[in-house]
């Protein structure tokens, strides 16, 4: 059974990419934790935080789900 990690975000897109608060803290944490065990990554947001496309790079970690006040994206 995977551990669950709830992740805050500034913005997200429909492809489960997140824009964080800068610094890459959660991206590094996810990488570290996934070396040991399966992690279910859930982003928490308001529906108004959705944008068309989040700019990503090779270090960014996609989420498994995003839960908003209106829907669940998976």
Protein backbone atom coordinates (compact mmCIF):
# COMPACT_ATOMS: atom_id res chain seq x y z
CA UNK A 1 0.00 0.00 0.00
CA UNK A 2 1.48 3.38 -0.96
CA UNK A 3 2.04 6.21 1.48
CA UNK A 4 0.04 9.37 0.75
CA UNK A 5 1.73 12.74 0.36
CA UNK A 6 -0.53 15.83 0.29
CA UNK A 7 1.15 18.61 -1.68
CA UNK A 8 0.27 22.31 -1.78
CA UNK A 9 0.55 24.22 -5.04
CA UNK A 10 0.19 27.65 -6.61
CA UNK A 11 -1.20 26.42 -9.94
CA UNK A 12 -1.81 23.19 -11.83
CA UNK A 13 -2.80 21.91 -15.26
CA UNK A 14 -4.96 19.05 -16.51
CA UNK A 15 -1.84 16.92 -17.07
CA UNK A 16 -1.22 16.74 -13.30
CA UNK A 17 1.71 19.14 -13.37
CA UNK A 18 2.02 21.56 -10.46
CA UNK A 19 3.58 24.93 -10.01
CA UNK A 20 4.96 25.12 -6.49
CA UNK A 21 6.22 27.94 -4.35
CA UNK A 22 9.77 27.81 -5.76
CA UNK A 23 12.85 26.06 -4.52
CA UNK A 24 11.90 22.51 -5.55
CA UNK A 25 11.34 21.27 -1.98
CA UNK A 26 8.48 18.90 -2.82
CA UNK A 27 10.15 17.66 -6.03
CA UNK A 28 13.24 16.65 -4.04
CA UNK A 29 11.14 15.14 -1.25
CA UNK A 30 9.14 13.04 -3.72
CA UNK A 31 12.33 11.74 -5.36
CA UNK A 32 13.81 10.82 -1.98
CA UNK A 33 10.67 9.08 -0.70
CA UNK A 34 10.02 7.15 -3.94
CA UNK A 35 13.45 5.53 -3.68
CA UNK A 36 12.17 3.77 -0.56
CA UNK A 37 8.46 3.21 -1.21
CA UNK A 38 5.57 3.91 -3.58
CA UNK A 39 4.10 7.35 -2.86
CA UNK A 40 0.62 8.50 -3.87
CA UNK A 41 1.05 12.20 -4.68
CA UNK A 42 -2.09 14.29 -4.19
CA UNK A 43 -2.17 18.02 -4.91
CA UNK A 44 -4.66 20.21 -3.05
CA UNK A 45 -6.01 23.30 -4.81
CA UNK A 46 -8.97 25.48 -5.63
CA UNK A 47 -10.41 25.09 -9.13
CA UNK A 48 -9.45 28.70 -9.92
CA UNK A 49 -5.78 27.76 -9.64
CA UNK A 50 -5.94 25.70 -12.86
CA UNK A 51 -3.98 27.15 -15.77
CA UNK A 52 -3.64 25.99 -19.37
CA UNK A 53 -0.07 24.68 -19.12
CA UNK A 54 2.43 24.58 -16.28
CA UNK A 55 6.01 25.08 -17.48
CA UNK A 56 8.03 22.01 -16.47
CA UNK A 57 11.61 20.78 -16.48
CA UNK A 58 13.28 17.41 -15.93
CA UNK A 59 13.23 17.81 -12.12
CA UNK A 60 9.48 18.40 -11.80
CA UNK A 61 7.41 15.55 -10.40
CA UNK A 62 3.90 14.96 -11.75
CA UNK A 63 1.10 14.28 -9.30
CA UNK A 64 -1.16 11.23 -9.25
CA UNK A 65 -4.28 13.26 -8.39
CA UNK A 66 -5.31 16.86 -7.91
CA UNK A 67 -8.26 17.46 -5.59
CA UNK A 68 -10.09 20.79 -5.92
CA UNK A 69 -13.27 22.23 -4.50
CA UNK A 70 -15.04 21.17 -7.74
CA UNK A 71 -13.41 17.98 -8.99
CA UNK A 72 -10.74 15.31 -8.78
CA UNK A 73 -8.28 15.12 -11.68
CA UNK A 74 -6.49 11.83 -12.29
